[in-house]
Amino acid sequence: MKHIYLDNAGTTPMAPEVIKTMTIAMEQTFGNASSTHFFGRQARKVLDESRQIIAKSINAKRDDQIVFTSGGTESDNTAVVQTALARQHEGKHLITTAVEHEAILKPMKYLESLGFEVTYLPVDHDGLISLDDLRQAIRPDTILVSIMTGNNEVGSHFPIHEIGQIVAESNAWFHTDAVQAYGLLDFDVQADRIDLLSTSAHKLNGPKFLGFLYRSDRVKFPSLIKGGDQELKRRAGTENVPAIAGFAKAVSLLDSAAKQAKRQKFIDLQQRLLEGLQKNGVEFEVNGGQRPDKLPHVLNLWFKGCPALPLLTNLDLNGIAASAGSACTAGSIDPSHVLLAIYGKDSPRLNESLRFSFGFENTVAEINYTVQVLAKTIKKLKRG
């Protein structure tokens, strides 16, 4: 049976060029980048060159503003928790949105248990905040505003440039979780007034368990991970040089033209899926609206009257990987906190929605097959 992977918002397969780069690095560059001998200097050279490529990709002022981490979760936790602890003498108020990833929401809840106050901005039916709500929420004691660039469940694209300008007029630092958007969109941390930016390599066909945290010059706080003096004392732990080389290769494959081509491919695949469902008489709606600036690789659909779990199971039995809810464990799906924030706790969308997310390996033929399976399965499930 042919297997089709439509869960690229969860993770992506590594690009062949990335695998080749990492294989060479593992074979030839095994030294510790902190060592001063020949093997250490070899590793340091790869590390420095990789950092340069990544810094340039977001228009950072300097390479040393990039701190390598274990991934998006560590980057998010570091940005939120360390900012709060370092700046609590200035204020204990933080702002985020109701639709952030758990890597932001759970640290925020943790900080609330320590006596910090968090404002969770609501979102509209497009999954976006009101900029007026943001302006009104910022106070003299606000020390951090953390708002994602693109939502991982419905694809909402937040106006980061405008948000950055608003936050820059206050005393707060601006952090954006760019995990889902980095590799698809162009970033300019200087023009967008971003102080902290989180990414994860495995979302753009790079290796897992690796990411980076961009820190602007005014961001000062100690390492979340205690230990050695790696990453200029900002993140303890021996650098994974082969993986970092692979991350840099994944980034180098995605210049502006490549990202544009990638976005267009995903738009075409998304349109093919939507038109196919319509032609087959499938009743559905797009969750989070259909704004043209949405992340093109994420498509969240409400299949009216069709429970998500049996639909997801039937897709899997037919070789199609998609996702539903915020977690799928022990045979049950937890309702998506994103859909909950957009549509409310009584909406049937919470239990009748699936997310399809596209990647570089997907083809039109795969989408056509997915449409056939969806149409057949939905009709069968509705018949009971």
Protein backbone atom coordinates (compact mmCIF):
# COMPACT_ATOMS: atom_id res chain seq x y z
CA MET A 1 0.00 0.00 0.00
CA LYS A 2 1.24 3.46 -0.88
CA HIS A 3 1.61 5.78 2.11
CA ILE A 4 0.89 9.51 1.81
CA TYR A 5 2.23 11.94 4.38
CA LEU A 6 0.03 15.00 4.95
CA ASP A 7 1.19 15.94 8.45
CA ASN A 8 4.11 18.23 7.62
CA ALA A 9 3.06 20.77 10.26
CA GLY A 10 3.93 18.06 12.78
CA THR A 11 7.33 17.31 11.29
CA THR A 12 8.93 17.08 7.87
CA PRO A 13 11.18 14.45 6.26
CA MET A 14 14.79 15.52 5.93
CA ALA A 15 15.78 16.79 2.51
CA PRO A 16 18.29 14.53 0.69
CA GLU A 17 20.83 17.37 0.61
CA VAL A 18 20.52 17.73 4.39
CA ILE A 19 21.11 14.02 4.95
CA LYS A 20 24.19 14.14 2.72
CA THR A 21 25.59 17.19 4.53
CA MET A 22 25.05 15.60 7.94
CA THR A 23 26.55 12.29 6.86
CA ILE A 24 29.74 14.00 5.67
CA ALA A 25 29.91 16.03 8.89
CA MET A 26 29.45 12.93 11.05
CA GLU A 27 32.21 11.17 9.16
CA GLN A 28 34.69 14.04 8.99
CA THR A 29 33.86 16.58 11.71
CA PHE A 30 33.49 14.68 14.96
CA GLY A 31 35.55 17.03 17.12
CA ASN A 32 34.21 19.08 20.02
CA ALA A 33 33.79 22.67 18.82
CA SER A 34 35.07 23.93 22.18
CA SER A 35 38.41 22.10 21.80
CA THR A 36 41.43 24.07 20.56
CA HIS A 37 43.18 21.26 18.66
CA PHE A 38 42.82 20.51 14.94
CA PHE A 39 39.66 18.42 15.29
CA GLY A 40 38.02 21.03 17.48
CA ARG A 41 38.93 23.80 15.06
CA GLN A 42 37.38 21.81 12.21
CA ALA A 43 34.13 21.56 14.14
CA ARG A 44 34.28 25.23 15.13
CA LYS A 45 34.64 26.22 11.48
CA VAL A 46 31.50 24.29 10.51
CA LEU A 47 29.66 25.75 13.50
CA ASP A 48 30.65 29.33 12.65
CA GLU A 49 29.80 28.99 8.96
CA SER A 50 26.40 27.49 9.83
CA ARG A 51 25.66 30.31 12.25
CA GLN A 52 26.49 32.85 9.53
CA ILE A 53 24.03 31.26 7.09
CA ILE A 54 21.25 31.20 9.66
CA ALA A 55 21.88 34.75 10.92
CA LYS A 56 21.72 36.06 7.37
CA SER A 57 18.39 34.28 6.79
CA ILE A 58 16.62 36.55 9.31
CA ASN A 59 18.77 39.67 8.74
CA ALA A 60 20.34 39.53 12.18
CA LYS A 61 22.97 42.20 12.81
CA ARG A 62 25.59 39.66 13.83
CA ASP A 63 26.13 35.92 13.80
CA ASP A 64 26.48 35.78 17.59
CA GLN A 65 22.82 36.75 18.02
CA ILE A 66 21.96 33.17 17.05
CA VAL A 67 21.93 30.65 19.92
CA PHE A 68 21.53 26.99 18.99
CA THR A 69 19.07 25.03 21.14
CA SER A 70 17.45 21.58 21.19
CA GLY A 71 14.45 22.90 19.26
CA GLY A 72 11.42 25.15 19.30
CA THR A 73 10.25 24.10 22.75
CA GLU A 74 13.53 24.97 24.44
CA SER A 75 13.77 28.22 22.48
CA ASP A 76 10.23 29.20 23.50
CA ASN A 77 10.74 28.22 27.13
CA THR A 78 14.01 30.15 27.28
CA ALA A 79 12.49 33.28 25.75
CA VAL A 80 9.47 33.30 28.06
CA VAL A 81 10.80 32.01 31.37
CA GLN A 82 14.21 33.67 31.31
CA THR A 83 12.77 37.03 30.26
CA ALA A 84 10.27 36.88 33.12
CA LEU A 85 12.84 35.94 35.73
CA ALA A 86 15.42 38.45 34.49
CA ARG A 87 13.00 41.38 34.24
CA GLN A 88 10.64 40.77 37.16
CA HIS A 89 12.08 43.78 39.00
CA GLU A 90 10.67 45.93 36.13
CA GLY A 91 7.24 44.32 36.07
CA LYS A 92 5.45 41.00 36.20
CA HIS A 93 2.98 41.32 33.33
CA LEU A 94 3.22 39.26 30.12
CA ILE A 95 1.03 39.15 27.01
CA THR A 96 0.41 36.28 24.63
CA THR A 97 -2.50 34.86 22.61
CA ALA A 98 -5.02 32.12 23.29
CA VAL A 99 -3.83 30.14 20.25
CA GLU A 100 -0.10 29.80 20.95
CA HIS A 101 1.69 26.47 20.93
CA GLU A 102 1.85 24.62 24.25
CA ALA A 103 5.56 25.48 24.38
CA ILE A 104 4.42 29.04 25.08
CA LEU A 105 1.18 28.44 26.99
CA LYS A 106 2.61 26.01 29.53
CA PRO A 107 5.57 28.24 30.49
CA MET A 108 3.07 31.09 30.85
CA LYS A 109 0.97 28.96 33.22
CA TYR A 110 4.12 28.09 35.15
CA LEU A 111 4.97 31.78 35.52
CA GLU A 112 1.44 32.49 36.73
CA SER A 113 2.09 30.01 39.54
CA LEU A 114 5.10 32.15 40.49
CA GLY A 115 2.99 35.29 40.76
CA PHE A 116 3.26 36.70 37.24
CA GLU A 117 0.17 38.03 35.47
CA VAL A 118 -0.52 36.90 31.91
CA THR A 119 -2.98 38.44 29.46
CA TYR A 120 -4.23 35.94 26.84
CA LEU A 121 -5.47 37.92 23.84
CA PRO A 122 -8.59 36.46 22.20
CA VAL A 123 -8.80 35.80 18.46
CA ASP A 124 -11.46 36.29 15.80
CA HIS A 125 -12.81 33.69 13.35
CA ASP A 126 -9.64 34.07 11.27
CA GLY A 127 -7.63 33.09 14.33
CA LEU A 128 -6.09 36.56 14.60
CA ILE A 129 -5.85 39.06 17.44
CA SER A 130 -7.04 42.65 17.31
CA LEU A 131 -4.14 45.11 17.25
CA ASP A 132 -6.29 47.48 19.31
CA ASP A 133 -6.64 44.75 21.94
CA LEU A 134 -2.85 44.47 21.99
CA ARG A 135 -2.37 48.22 22.39
CA GLN A 136 -4.86 48.33 25.25
CA ALA A 137 -3.30 45.30 26.97
CA ILE A 138 0.23 46.75 27.11
CA ARG A 139 0.97 48.39 30.47
CA PRO A 140 3.99 50.09 32.05
CA ASP A 141 4.76 46.81 33.87
CA THR A 142 4.51 44.65 30.71
CA ILE A 143 7.91 43.02 30.19
CA LEU A 144 7.21 40.56 27.34
CA VAL A 145 4.81 40.18 24.42
CA SER A 146 4.96 36.71 22.84
CA ILE A 147 2.91 36.24 19.66
CA MET A 148 3.49 33.50 17.10
CA THR A 149 4.19 34.29 13.46
CA GLY A 150 1.99 31.54 12.06
CA ASN A 151 -0.41 29.16 13.76
CA ASN A 152 0.39 25.47 13.51
CA GLU A 153 -3.23 24.26 13.54
CA VAL A 154 -5.18 26.63 11.26
CA GLY A 155 -2.39 28.56 9.52
CA SER A 156 -3.30 32.07 10.73
CA HIS A 157 -0.50 34.52 9.83
CA PHE A 158 -0.10 37.24 12.43
CA PRO A 159 0.94 40.76 11.33
CA ILE A 160 4.36 40.55 12.95
CA HIS A 161 5.67 43.81 11.47
CA GLU A 162 2.77 45.84 12.90
CA ILE A 163 2.95 44.01 16.21
CA GLY A 164 6.67 44.71 16.44
CA GLN A 165 6.12 48.43 15.92
CA ILE A 166 3.46 48.52 18.65
CA VAL A 167 5.59 46.65 21.18
CA ALA A 168 8.64 48.77 20.36
CA GLU A 169 6.81 51.81 21.73
CA SER A 170 6.64 50.14 25.15
CA ASN A 171 9.12 48.77 27.65
CA ALA A 172 8.35 45.17 26.68
CA TRP A 173 10.48 42.80 24.65
CA PHE A 174 8.84 41.19 21.62
CA HIS A 175 9.16 37.44 21.09
CA THR A 176 7.71 35.50 18.18
CA ASP A 177 7.44 31.74 17.85
CA ALA A 178 8.37 31.35 14.18
CA VAL A 179 8.59 27.56 14.25
CA GLN A 180 5.78 27.00 11.74
CA ALA A 181 6.62 29.97 9.48
CA TYR A 182 10.43 29.93 9.25
CA GLY A 183 11.32 28.29 5.96
CA LEU A 184 8.15 29.56 4.29
CA LEU A 185 8.25 33.30 4.94
CA ASP A 186 11.02 35.90 4.73
CA PHE A 187 12.09 37.35 8.08
CA ASP A 188 13.77 40.63 8.98
CA VAL A 189 14.24 40.85 12.73
CA GLN A 190 15.56 44.40 12.49
CA ALA A 191 12.74 45.87 10.40
CA ASP A 192 10.12 43.97 12.43
CA ARG A 193 11.63 45.06 15.77
CA ILE A 194 11.84 41.47 17.01
CA ASP A 195 13.85 40.90 20.20
CA LEU A 196 13.50 37.12 20.41
CA LEU A 197 12.65 34.59 17.69
CA SER A 198 12.29 30.81 18.01
CA THR A 199 12.63 28.16 15.31
CA SER A 200 12.94 24.40 14.92
CA ALA A 201 14.95 22.66 12.19
CA HIS A 202 12.63 19.69 11.70
CA LYS A 203 9.83 21.92 10.40
CA LEU A 204 11.83 22.81 7.27
CA ASN A 205 13.23 19.43 6.28
CA GLY A 206 16.14 19.62 8.70
CA PRO A 207 17.08 17.38 11.64
CA LYS A 208 15.01 16.90 14.79
CA PHE A 209 16.03 18.05 18.26
CA LEU A 210 17.64 21.25 17.00
CA GLY A 211 16.58 24.87 16.69
CA PHE A 212 17.81 28.34 17.43
CA LEU A 213 16.83 31.34 19.48
CA TYR A 214 17.60 34.75 18.05
CA ARG A 215 18.41 37.34 20.74
CA SER A 216 18.68 41.05 19.97
CA ASP A 217 21.38 43.10 21.65
CA ARG A 218 19.09 44.42 24.37
CA VAL A 219 18.09 40.94 25.53
CA LYS A 220 20.09 40.01 28.61
CA PHE A 221 19.38 36.91 30.65
CA PRO A 222 21.34 33.83 31.80
CA SER A 223 21.24 30.42 30.15
CA LEU A 224 18.21 28.28 30.90
CA ILE A 225 20.46 25.21 30.67
CA LYS A 226 23.19 25.29 33.32
CA GLY A 227 26.60 23.78 32.64
CA GLY A 228 29.46 24.69 30.34
CA ASP A 229 30.20 27.93 28.53
CA GLN A 230 29.07 26.91 25.04
CA GLU A 231 27.21 29.35 22.78
CA LEU A 232 29.04 32.28 24.40
CA LYS A 233 27.71 31.17 27.82
CA ARG A 234 24.11 31.48 26.61
CA ARG A 235 23.27 27.78 26.24
CA ALA A 236 25.26 25.07 28.00
CA GLY A 237 25.89 21.75 26.26
CA THR A 238 28.20 20.51 23.52
CA GLU A 239 26.96 21.67 20.12
CA ASN A 240 25.62 19.01 17.74
CA VAL A 241 27.81 20.07 14.84
CA PRO A 242 26.57 17.58 12.20
CA ALA A 243 22.94 18.49 12.91
CA ILE A 244 23.75 22.21 12.89
CA ALA A 245 25.46 21.77 9.52
CA GLY A 246 22.29 20.03 8.30
CA PHE A 247 20.13 22.84 9.64
CA ALA A 248 22.22 25.39 7.79
CA LYS A 249 21.94 23.32 4.61
CA ALA A 250 18.15 23.22 4.95
CA VAL A 251 18.13 27.00 5.37
CA SER A 252 20.47 27.58 2.43
CA LEU A 253 18.12 25.61 0.16
CA LEU A 254 15.35 28.09 0.91
CA ASP A 255 16.25 31.47 -0.54
CA SER A 256 13.41 33.90 -1.32
CA ALA A 257 12.76 32.38 -4.75
CA ALA A 258 12.68 28.84 -3.35
CA LYS A 259 10.29 29.88 -0.58
CA GLN A 260 8.01 31.53 -3.13
CA ALA A 261 7.99 28.38 -5.25
CA LYS A 262 7.29 26.31 -2.15
CA ARG A 263 4.38 28.53 -1.14
CA GLN A 264 2.89 28.37 -4.63
CA LYS A 265 3.13 24.59 -4.71
CA PHE A 266 1.29 24.35 -1.39
CA ILE A 267 -1.38 26.79 -2.56
CA ASP A 268 -1.94 24.65 -5.66
CA LEU A 269 -2.16 21.43 -3.63
CA GLN A 270 -4.54 23.05 -1.17
CA GLN A 271 -6.78 24.28 -4.00
CA ARG A 272 -6.73 20.84 -5.60
CA LEU A 273 -7.93 19.28 -2.33
CA LEU A 274 -10.68 21.84 -1.79
CA GLU A 275 -11.97 21.66 -5.37
CA GLY A 276 -11.87 17.88 -5.30
CA LEU A 277 -13.96 17.72 -2.14
CA GLN A 278 -16.46 20.17 -3.61
CA LYS A 279 -16.81 18.14 -6.81
CA ASN A 280 -17.44 15.01 -4.76
CA GLY A 281 -20.21 16.67 -2.76
CA VAL A 282 -18.37 16.59 0.56
CA GLU A 283 -19.78 19.06 3.07
CA PHE A 284 -16.96 20.98 4.76
CA GLU A 285 -15.73 24.40 5.87
CA VAL A 286 -12.21 25.77 6.24
CA ASN A 287 -11.34 26.47 9.87
CA GLY A 288 -9.66 29.80 10.51
CA GLY A 289 -11.04 31.40 7.35
CA GLN A 290 -9.40 31.65 3.95
CA ARG A 291 -7.37 34.84 4.10
CA PRO A 292 -4.81 34.98 1.27
CA ASP A 293 -1.97 35.59 3.73
CA LYS A 294 -2.49 32.35 5.67
CA LEU A 295 0.35 29.84 5.85
CA PRO A 296 -0.25 27.84 2.65
CA HIS A 297 0.92 24.47 3.93
CA VAL A 298 -1.74 24.20 6.68
CA LEU A 299 -5.36 23.38 5.84
CA ASN A 300 -7.76 22.67 8.70
CA LEU A 301 -11.20 21.40 7.61
CA TRP A 302 -14.47 20.90 9.45
CA PHE A 303 -16.32 17.87 8.05
CA LYS A 304 -19.83 18.53 9.27
CA GLY A 305 -21.38 15.65 11.18
CA CYS A 306 -18.32 13.42 10.77
CA PRO A 307 -16.35 12.66 13.97
CA ALA A 308 -12.64 13.19 13.54
CA LEU A 309 -11.32 10.03 15.21
CA PRO A 310 -12.98 7.41 12.97
CA LEU A 311 -12.23 9.57 9.93
CA LEU A 312 -8.58 9.81 10.93
CA THR A 313 -8.43 6.06 11.55
CA ASN A 314 -9.94 5.28 8.15
CA LEU A 315 -7.49 7.60 6.43
CA ASP A 316 -4.62 5.82 8.17
CA LEU A 317 -5.96 2.43 7.11
CA ASN A 318 -5.87 3.72 3.54
CA GLY A 319 -2.28 4.91 3.90
CA ILE A 320 -2.94 8.61 4.49
CA ALA A 321 -1.38 10.44 7.44
CA ALA A 322 -3.20 13.56 8.68
CA SER A 323 -3.88 14.91 12.18
CA ALA A 324 -6.69 16.07 14.41
CA GLY A 325 -6.87 18.00 17.66
CA SER A 326 -3.88 18.99 19.74
CA ALA A 327 -3.01 15.42 20.75
CA CYS A 328 -3.96 11.89 19.82
CA THR A 329 -3.22 9.40 22.57
CA ALA A 330 -4.81 6.29 24.04
CA GLY A 331 -7.51 6.24 21.37
CA SER A 332 -8.93 9.67 22.15
CA ILE A 333 -8.43 13.15 20.76
CA ASP A 334 -8.18 16.16 23.03
CA PRO A 335 -10.17 19.08 21.62
CA SER A 336 -7.93 21.63 19.95
CA HIS A 337 -7.36 24.67 22.16
CA VAL A 338 -6.97 26.67 18.95
CA LEU A 339 -10.40 25.73 17.61
CA LEU A 340 -11.78 26.23 21.11
CA ALA A 341 -10.41 29.78 21.18
CA ILE A 342 -11.80 30.56 17.73
CA TYR A 343 -15.22 28.91 17.87
CA GLY A 344 -16.06 28.29 21.54
CA LYS A 345 -16.50 25.16 23.65
CA ASP A 346 -19.89 24.23 22.18
CA SER A 347 -18.81 24.19 18.54
CA PRO A 348 -19.03 20.80 16.76
CA ARG A 349 -15.85 21.78 14.93
CA LEU A 350 -13.82 20.75 17.97
CA ASN A 351 -14.54 17.07 17.32
CA GLU A 352 -15.19 17.08 13.58
CA SER A 353 -12.04 18.70 12.15
CA LEU A 354 -8.87 17.41 10.55
CA ARG A 355 -5.62 19.17 9.65
CA PHE A 356 -3.84 18.45 6.39
CA SER A 357 -0.37 19.94 5.98
CA PHE A 358 1.70 19.75 2.83
CA GLY A 359 5.38 19.15 2.15
CA PHE A 360 7.87 19.21 -0.72
CA GLU A 361 7.35 15.52 -1.50
CA ASN A 362 3.56 15.71 -1.98
CA THR A 363 2.13 15.36 -5.50
CA VAL A 364 -1.12 16.13 -7.27
CA ALA A 365 -1.73 12.38 -7.62
CA GLU A 366 -1.52 12.00 -3.84
CA ILE A 367 -4.04 14.77 -3.31
CA ASN A 368 -6.41 13.22 -5.86
CA TYR A 369 -6.20 9.89 -4.03
CA THR A 370 -6.77 11.62 -0.68
CA VAL A 371 -9.91 13.28 -2.05
CA GLN A 372 -11.26 9.90 -3.22
CA VAL A 373 -10.61 8.27 0.15
CA LEU A 374 -12.09 11.22 2.06
CA ALA A 375 -15.25 11.33 -0.03
CA LYS A 376 -15.79 7.57 0.22
CA THR A 377 -15.04 7.44 3.96
CA ILE A 378 -17.22 10.42 4.88
CA LYS A 379 -20.19 9.00 2.99
CA LYS A 380 -19.72 5.65 4.74
CA LEU A 381 -19.40 7.23 8.20
CA LYS A 382 -22.46 9.40 7.70
CA ARG A 383 -24.47 6.34 6.70
CA GLY A 384 -23.48 4.89 10.07
